[in-house]
Amino acid sequence: MNKFRIIKSYISQYTNPLELNTGDTVNLVEEEKEEKWKGWIWAESKTNSGWIPVQILEISADKKSGIVKEYFTAKELNAEEGDYIEKIKSLNGWAWSKNLRTGDEGWIPDEITGK
């Protein structure tokens, strides 16, 4: 198990996270410029917007839209300092993780996870 201790509490910044299904089309707005989170792009669906990893997109030639290649939710994980999480999937400075105290799953920044 990839078990890590949270070294700084984290609270989700988005109360209504973007959720996409395979085959959905999104408009692409801008790529993340901060080096530690490169690989995320702001995308707009018909109903919502949020950051998504470029790895799950088939991007159009003009780079203005993309087709989603796999289910994705931008749900972030709330965690308190001292909680332990299990990292399930890491992408671009973030990890889809499970909080072992609460059982909740979501994305959390790698920078706040220790060993």
N, C-alpha and C. Protein backbone atom coordinates (compact mmCIF):
# COMPACT_ATOMS: atom_id res chain seq x y z
N MET A 1 0.85 -1.19 0.00
CA MET A 1 0.00 0.00 0.00
C MET A 1 0.89 1.24 0.00
N ASN A 2 0.53 2.23 -0.80
CA ASN A 2 1.22 3.51 -0.84
C ASN A 2 0.64 4.42 0.24
N LYS A 3 1.10 4.26 1.49
CA LYS A 3 0.53 4.98 2.64
C LYS A 3 1.41 6.19 2.95
N PHE A 4 0.76 7.36 3.06
CA PHE A 4 1.47 8.61 3.32
C PHE A 4 0.75 9.38 4.41
N ARG A 5 1.53 10.13 5.19
CA ARG A 5 0.98 10.96 6.27
C ARG A 5 0.82 12.38 5.75
N ILE A 6 -0.31 13.00 6.05
CA ILE A 6 -0.57 14.39 5.67
C ILE A 6 0.22 15.31 6.60
N ILE A 7 1.06 16.18 6.03
CA ILE A 7 1.89 17.07 6.84
C ILE A 7 1.30 18.48 6.95
N LYS A 8 0.24 18.76 6.18
CA LYS A 8 -0.44 20.05 6.26
C LYS A 8 -1.89 19.82 5.85
N SER A 9 -2.84 20.27 6.67
CA SER A 9 -4.26 20.08 6.37
C SER A 9 -4.62 20.65 5.00
N TYR A 10 -5.59 20.00 4.35
CA TYR A 10 -6.05 20.47 3.04
C TYR A 10 -7.56 20.40 2.99
N ILE A 11 -8.18 21.49 2.53
CA ILE A 11 -9.63 21.56 2.35
C ILE A 11 -9.90 21.86 0.88
N SER A 12 -10.83 21.13 0.31
CA SER A 12 -11.18 21.29 -1.10
C SER A 12 -11.53 22.74 -1.42
N GLN A 13 -11.04 23.20 -2.57
CA GLN A 13 -11.33 24.57 -3.01
C GLN A 13 -12.59 24.65 -3.86
N TYR A 14 -13.10 23.50 -4.28
CA TYR A 14 -14.24 23.48 -5.20
C TYR A 14 -15.37 22.65 -4.60
N THR A 15 -16.52 23.29 -4.35
CA THR A 15 -17.65 22.58 -3.75
C THR A 15 -18.48 21.83 -4.79
N ASN A 16 -18.33 22.18 -6.07
CA ASN A 16 -19.07 21.53 -7.15
C ASN A 16 -18.07 21.07 -8.21
N PRO A 17 -17.36 19.95 -7.95
CA PRO A 17 -16.28 19.54 -8.85
C PRO A 17 -16.76 19.08 -10.22
N LEU A 18 -15.95 19.34 -11.21
CA LEU A 18 -16.18 18.90 -12.57
C LEU A 18 -16.21 17.37 -12.60
N GLU A 19 -17.14 16.80 -13.34
CA GLU A 19 -17.23 15.35 -13.52
C GLU A 19 -17.47 15.08 -14.99
N LEU A 20 -16.63 14.22 -15.58
CA LEU A 20 -16.69 13.95 -17.01
C LEU A 20 -16.74 12.46 -17.29
N ASN A 21 -17.44 12.09 -18.36
CA ASN A 21 -17.51 10.70 -18.78
C ASN A 21 -16.73 10.50 -20.07
N THR A 22 -16.34 9.29 -20.34
CA THR A 22 -15.66 8.95 -21.58
C THR A 22 -16.49 9.44 -22.76
N GLY A 23 -15.84 10.14 -23.70
CA GLY A 23 -16.53 10.64 -24.89
C GLY A 23 -17.06 12.06 -24.76
N ASP A 24 -17.09 12.61 -23.55
CA ASP A 24 -17.53 14.00 -23.38
C ASP A 24 -16.55 14.93 -24.11
N THR A 25 -17.08 16.04 -24.63
CA THR A 25 -16.25 17.06 -25.27
C THR A 25 -16.17 18.26 -24.34
N VAL A 26 -14.95 18.81 -24.21
CA VAL A 26 -14.75 19.99 -23.37
C VAL A 26 -14.04 21.07 -24.18
N ASN A 27 -14.30 22.33 -23.82
CA ASN A 27 -13.55 23.45 -24.37
C ASN A 27 -12.35 23.67 -23.47
N LEU A 28 -11.19 23.86 -24.07
CA LEU A 28 -9.95 24.04 -23.32
C LEU A 28 -9.62 25.52 -23.22
N VAL A 29 -9.39 26.01 -22.00
CA VAL A 29 -9.20 27.43 -21.77
C VAL A 29 -7.72 27.78 -21.62
N GLU A 30 -7.06 27.24 -20.59
CA GLU A 30 -5.64 27.54 -20.40
C GLU A 30 -4.95 26.43 -19.62
N GLU A 31 -3.67 26.23 -19.94
CA GLU A 31 -2.88 25.24 -19.23
C GLU A 31 -2.32 25.86 -17.96
N GLU A 32 -2.15 25.02 -16.94
CA GLU A 32 -1.54 25.47 -15.68
C GLU A 32 -0.11 25.92 -15.96
N LYS A 33 0.25 27.07 -15.42
CA LYS A 33 1.58 27.63 -15.65
C LYS A 33 2.57 27.30 -14.53
N GLU A 34 2.06 27.02 -13.33
CA GLU A 34 2.95 26.72 -12.21
C GLU A 34 3.66 25.39 -12.46
N GLU A 35 4.98 25.42 -12.41
CA GLU A 35 5.81 24.27 -12.80
C GLU A 35 5.42 22.98 -12.09
N LYS A 36 5.16 23.03 -10.79
CA LYS A 36 4.88 21.80 -10.04
C LYS A 36 3.56 21.15 -10.42
N TRP A 37 2.69 21.89 -11.13
CA TRP A 37 1.41 21.33 -11.53
C TRP A 37 1.21 21.34 -13.04
N LYS A 38 2.29 21.41 -13.80
CA LYS A 38 2.16 21.36 -15.27
C LYS A 38 1.49 20.06 -15.66
N GLY A 39 0.68 20.13 -16.71
CA GLY A 39 -0.03 18.94 -17.17
C GLY A 39 -1.52 19.01 -16.85
N TRP A 40 -1.95 20.05 -16.12
CA TRP A 40 -3.38 20.28 -15.87
C TRP A 40 -3.85 21.40 -16.79
N ILE A 41 -5.09 21.31 -17.24
CA ILE A 41 -5.65 22.33 -18.12
C ILE A 41 -7.07 22.66 -17.65
N TRP A 42 -7.41 23.95 -17.70
CA TRP A 42 -8.76 24.38 -17.31
C TRP A 42 -9.69 24.05 -18.46
N ALA A 43 -10.75 23.32 -18.16
CA ALA A 43 -11.67 22.87 -19.19
C ALA A 43 -13.10 23.23 -18.80
N GLU A 44 -13.91 23.48 -19.83
CA GLU A 44 -15.33 23.80 -19.61
C GLU A 44 -16.18 22.78 -20.32
N SER A 45 -17.10 22.17 -19.55
CA SER A 45 -18.07 21.25 -20.15
C SER A 45 -19.37 22.03 -20.34
N LYS A 46 -20.42 21.35 -20.75
CA LYS A 46 -21.72 22.00 -20.92
C LYS A 46 -22.29 22.47 -19.60
N THR A 47 -21.88 21.82 -18.50
CA THR A 47 -22.50 22.12 -17.21
C THR A 47 -21.56 22.65 -16.14
N ASN A 48 -20.23 22.56 -16.35
CA ASN A 48 -19.30 22.91 -15.28
C ASN A 48 -17.92 23.20 -15.86
N SER A 49 -16.99 23.58 -15.01
CA SER A 49 -15.61 23.80 -15.44
C SER A 49 -14.67 23.41 -14.31
N GLY A 50 -13.41 23.16 -14.68
CA GLY A 50 -12.43 22.78 -13.67
C GLY A 50 -11.13 22.32 -14.31
N TRP A 51 -10.17 21.99 -13.46
CA TRP A 51 -8.86 21.50 -13.90
C TRP A 51 -8.94 20.02 -14.20
N ILE A 52 -8.38 19.61 -15.35
CA ILE A 52 -8.30 18.19 -15.69
C ILE A 52 -6.89 17.89 -16.23
N PRO A 53 -6.43 16.65 -16.07
CA PRO A 53 -5.10 16.30 -16.57
C PRO A 53 -5.13 16.11 -18.09
N VAL A 54 -4.11 16.63 -18.76
CA VAL A 54 -4.06 16.50 -20.22
C VAL A 54 -3.98 15.03 -20.65
N GLN A 55 -3.49 14.16 -19.77
CA GLN A 55 -3.34 12.75 -20.12
C GLN A 55 -4.66 12.05 -20.44
N ILE A 56 -5.78 12.60 -19.98
CA ILE A 56 -7.06 11.94 -20.23
C ILE A 56 -7.78 12.53 -21.45
N LEU A 57 -7.11 13.40 -22.19
CA LEU A 57 -7.74 14.08 -23.31
C LEU A 57 -7.15 13.70 -24.67
N GLU A 58 -8.03 13.65 -25.65
CA GLU A 58 -7.61 13.63 -27.05
C GLU A 58 -7.85 15.06 -27.53
N ILE A 59 -6.76 15.82 -27.66
CA ILE A 59 -6.86 17.26 -27.93
C ILE A 59 -6.95 17.53 -29.42
N SER A 60 -7.85 18.44 -29.80
CA SER A 60 -8.04 18.79 -31.21
C SER A 60 -6.80 19.48 -31.77
N ALA A 61 -6.69 19.53 -33.09
CA ALA A 61 -5.54 20.14 -33.76
C ALA A 61 -5.36 21.61 -33.38
N ASP A 62 -6.47 22.33 -33.20
CA ASP A 62 -6.38 23.75 -32.84
C ASP A 62 -6.20 23.97 -31.33
N LYS A 63 -6.20 22.89 -30.57
CA LYS A 63 -5.98 22.91 -29.12
C LYS A 63 -7.04 23.69 -28.35
N LYS A 64 -8.23 23.83 -28.95
CA LYS A 64 -9.31 24.57 -28.29
C LYS A 64 -10.34 23.65 -27.66
N SER A 65 -10.29 22.36 -28.01
CA SER A 65 -11.24 21.41 -27.44
C SER A 65 -10.58 20.05 -27.28
N GLY A 66 -11.25 19.19 -26.53
CA GLY A 66 -10.73 17.84 -26.32
C GLY A 66 -11.86 16.87 -26.05
N ILE A 67 -11.58 15.61 -26.34
CA ILE A 67 -12.52 14.54 -26.05
C ILE A 67 -11.94 13.74 -24.88
N VAL A 68 -12.77 13.51 -23.89
CA VAL A 68 -12.34 12.82 -22.67
C VAL A 68 -12.19 11.31 -22.96
N LYS A 69 -11.02 10.75 -22.59
CA LYS A 69 -10.72 9.34 -22.88
C LYS A 69 -11.09 8.39 -21.74
N GLU A 70 -11.37 8.91 -20.54
CA GLU A 70 -11.75 8.07 -19.40
C GLU A 70 -12.54 8.90 -18.40
N TYR A 71 -13.34 8.21 -17.59
CA TYR A 71 -14.11 8.90 -16.55
C TYR A 71 -13.15 9.72 -15.68
N PHE A 72 -13.59 10.93 -15.30
CA PHE A 72 -12.77 11.79 -14.44
C PHE A 72 -13.67 12.64 -13.56
N THR A 73 -13.28 12.79 -12.31
CA THR A 73 -13.89 13.78 -11.43
C THR A 73 -12.77 14.62 -10.82
N ALA A 74 -13.03 15.90 -10.68
CA ALA A 74 -12.06 16.82 -10.10
C ALA A 74 -12.25 16.94 -8.58
N LYS A 75 -12.97 16.02 -7.98
CA LYS A 75 -13.22 16.05 -6.53
C LYS A 75 -11.90 16.05 -5.78
N GLU A 76 -11.76 17.00 -4.87
CA GLU A 76 -10.56 17.08 -4.05
C GLU A 76 -10.82 16.42 -2.70
N LEU A 77 -9.74 15.95 -2.09
CA LEU A 77 -9.83 15.23 -0.83
C LEU A 77 -9.53 16.14 0.35
N ASN A 78 -10.44 16.19 1.30
CA ASN A 78 -10.18 16.90 2.54
C ASN A 78 -9.37 15.99 3.46
N ALA A 79 -8.34 16.55 4.08
CA ALA A 79 -7.52 15.77 5.00
C ALA A 79 -6.94 16.70 6.06
N GLU A 80 -6.84 16.19 7.27
CA GLU A 80 -6.27 16.95 8.37
C GLU A 80 -4.82 16.53 8.57
N GLU A 81 -4.02 17.46 9.07
CA GLU A 81 -2.64 17.14 9.39
C GLU A 81 -2.61 15.91 10.29
N GLY A 82 -1.77 14.94 9.95
CA GLY A 82 -1.67 13.71 10.72
C GLY A 82 -2.48 12.56 10.16
N ASP A 83 -3.47 12.86 9.30
CA ASP A 83 -4.23 11.79 8.64
C ASP A 83 -3.28 10.97 7.77
N TYR A 84 -3.65 9.72 7.54
CA TYR A 84 -2.93 8.89 6.58
C TYR A 84 -3.80 8.67 5.36
N ILE A 85 -3.16 8.73 4.19
CA ILE A 85 -3.86 8.49 2.95
C ILE A 85 -3.17 7.35 2.20
N GLU A 86 -3.94 6.73 1.31
CA GLU A 86 -3.40 5.76 0.38
C GLU A 86 -3.45 6.40 -1.00
N LYS A 87 -2.30 6.55 -1.65
CA LYS A 87 -2.26 7.10 -3.00
C LYS A 87 -2.62 6.00 -3.99
N ILE A 88 -3.60 6.29 -4.83
CA ILE A 88 -4.09 5.32 -5.81
C ILE A 88 -3.53 5.62 -7.19
N LYS A 89 -3.48 6.91 -7.56
CA LYS A 89 -3.01 7.31 -8.89
C LYS A 89 -2.39 8.70 -8.77
N SER A 90 -1.16 8.87 -9.27
CA SER A 90 -0.50 10.18 -9.22
C SER A 90 -0.38 10.77 -10.62
N LEU A 91 -0.70 12.06 -10.73
CA LEU A 91 -0.60 12.78 -12.00
C LEU A 91 -0.24 14.24 -11.74
N ASN A 92 0.82 14.70 -12.34
CA ASN A 92 1.11 16.14 -12.42
C ASN A 92 1.09 16.84 -11.06
N GLY A 93 1.72 16.25 -10.05
CA GLY A 93 1.82 16.89 -8.75
C GLY A 93 0.63 16.68 -7.82
N TRP A 94 -0.35 15.90 -8.25
CA TRP A 94 -1.52 15.57 -7.44
C TRP A 94 -1.69 14.06 -7.41
N ALA A 95 -2.36 13.55 -6.39
CA ALA A 95 -2.62 12.11 -6.29
C ALA A 95 -4.09 11.85 -5.95
N TRP A 96 -4.70 10.93 -6.71
CA TRP A 96 -6.04 10.45 -6.35
C TRP A 96 -5.81 9.52 -5.17
N SER A 97 -6.41 9.85 -4.05
CA SER A 97 -6.07 9.17 -2.80
C SER A 97 -7.31 8.85 -1.99
N LYS A 98 -7.11 7.94 -1.03
CA LYS A 98 -8.16 7.59 -0.08
C LYS A 98 -7.69 7.99 1.31
N ASN A 99 -8.52 8.77 2.01
CA ASN A 99 -8.22 9.14 3.39
C ASN A 99 -8.56 7.93 4.25
N LEU A 100 -7.56 7.36 4.91
CA LEU A 100 -7.76 6.13 5.68
C LEU A 100 -8.57 6.35 6.95
N ARG A 101 -8.69 7.60 7.39
CA ARG A 101 -9.51 7.90 8.57
C ARG A 101 -10.99 7.99 8.21
N THR A 102 -11.30 8.67 7.08
CA THR A 102 -12.69 8.93 6.71
C THR A 102 -13.23 7.98 5.66
N GLY A 103 -12.33 7.37 4.86
CA GLY A 103 -12.77 6.52 3.76
C GLY A 103 -13.07 7.28 2.48
N ASP A 104 -13.04 8.62 2.53
CA ASP A 104 -13.31 9.44 1.35
C ASP A 104 -12.16 9.35 0.36
N GLU A 105 -12.47 9.57 -0.93
CA GLU A 105 -11.46 9.60 -1.98
C GLU A 105 -11.53 10.93 -2.72
N GLY A 106 -10.38 11.34 -3.26
CA GLY A 106 -10.31 12.56 -4.05
C GLY A 106 -8.87 12.92 -4.36
N TRP A 107 -8.68 14.01 -5.07
CA TRP A 107 -7.34 14.51 -5.43
C TRP A 107 -6.76 15.33 -4.30
N ILE A 108 -5.47 15.18 -4.06
CA ILE A 108 -4.77 15.95 -3.03
C ILE A 108 -3.36 16.28 -3.54
N PRO A 109 -2.85 17.47 -3.25
CA PRO A 109 -1.51 17.83 -3.74
C PRO A 109 -0.42 16.96 -3.11
N ASP A 110 0.50 16.48 -3.95
CA ASP A 110 1.61 15.66 -3.46
C ASP A 110 2.44 16.39 -2.42
N GLU A 111 2.54 17.71 -2.54
CA GLU A 111 3.43 18.48 -1.67
C GLU A 111 3.05 18.45 -0.18
N ILE A 112 1.83 18.04 0.14
CA ILE A 112 1.43 18.00 1.56
C ILE A 112 1.45 16.58 2.12
N THR A 113 2.01 15.64 1.36
CA THR A 113 2.09 14.28 1.85
C THR A 113 3.54 13.94 2.19
N GLY A 114 3.76 13.43 3.37
CA GLY A 114 5.09 12.99 3.78
C GLY A 114 5.19 11.49 3.60
N LYS A 115 5.95 10.86 4.42
CA LYS A 115 6.11 9.40 4.35
C LYS A 115 5.29 8.73 5.43
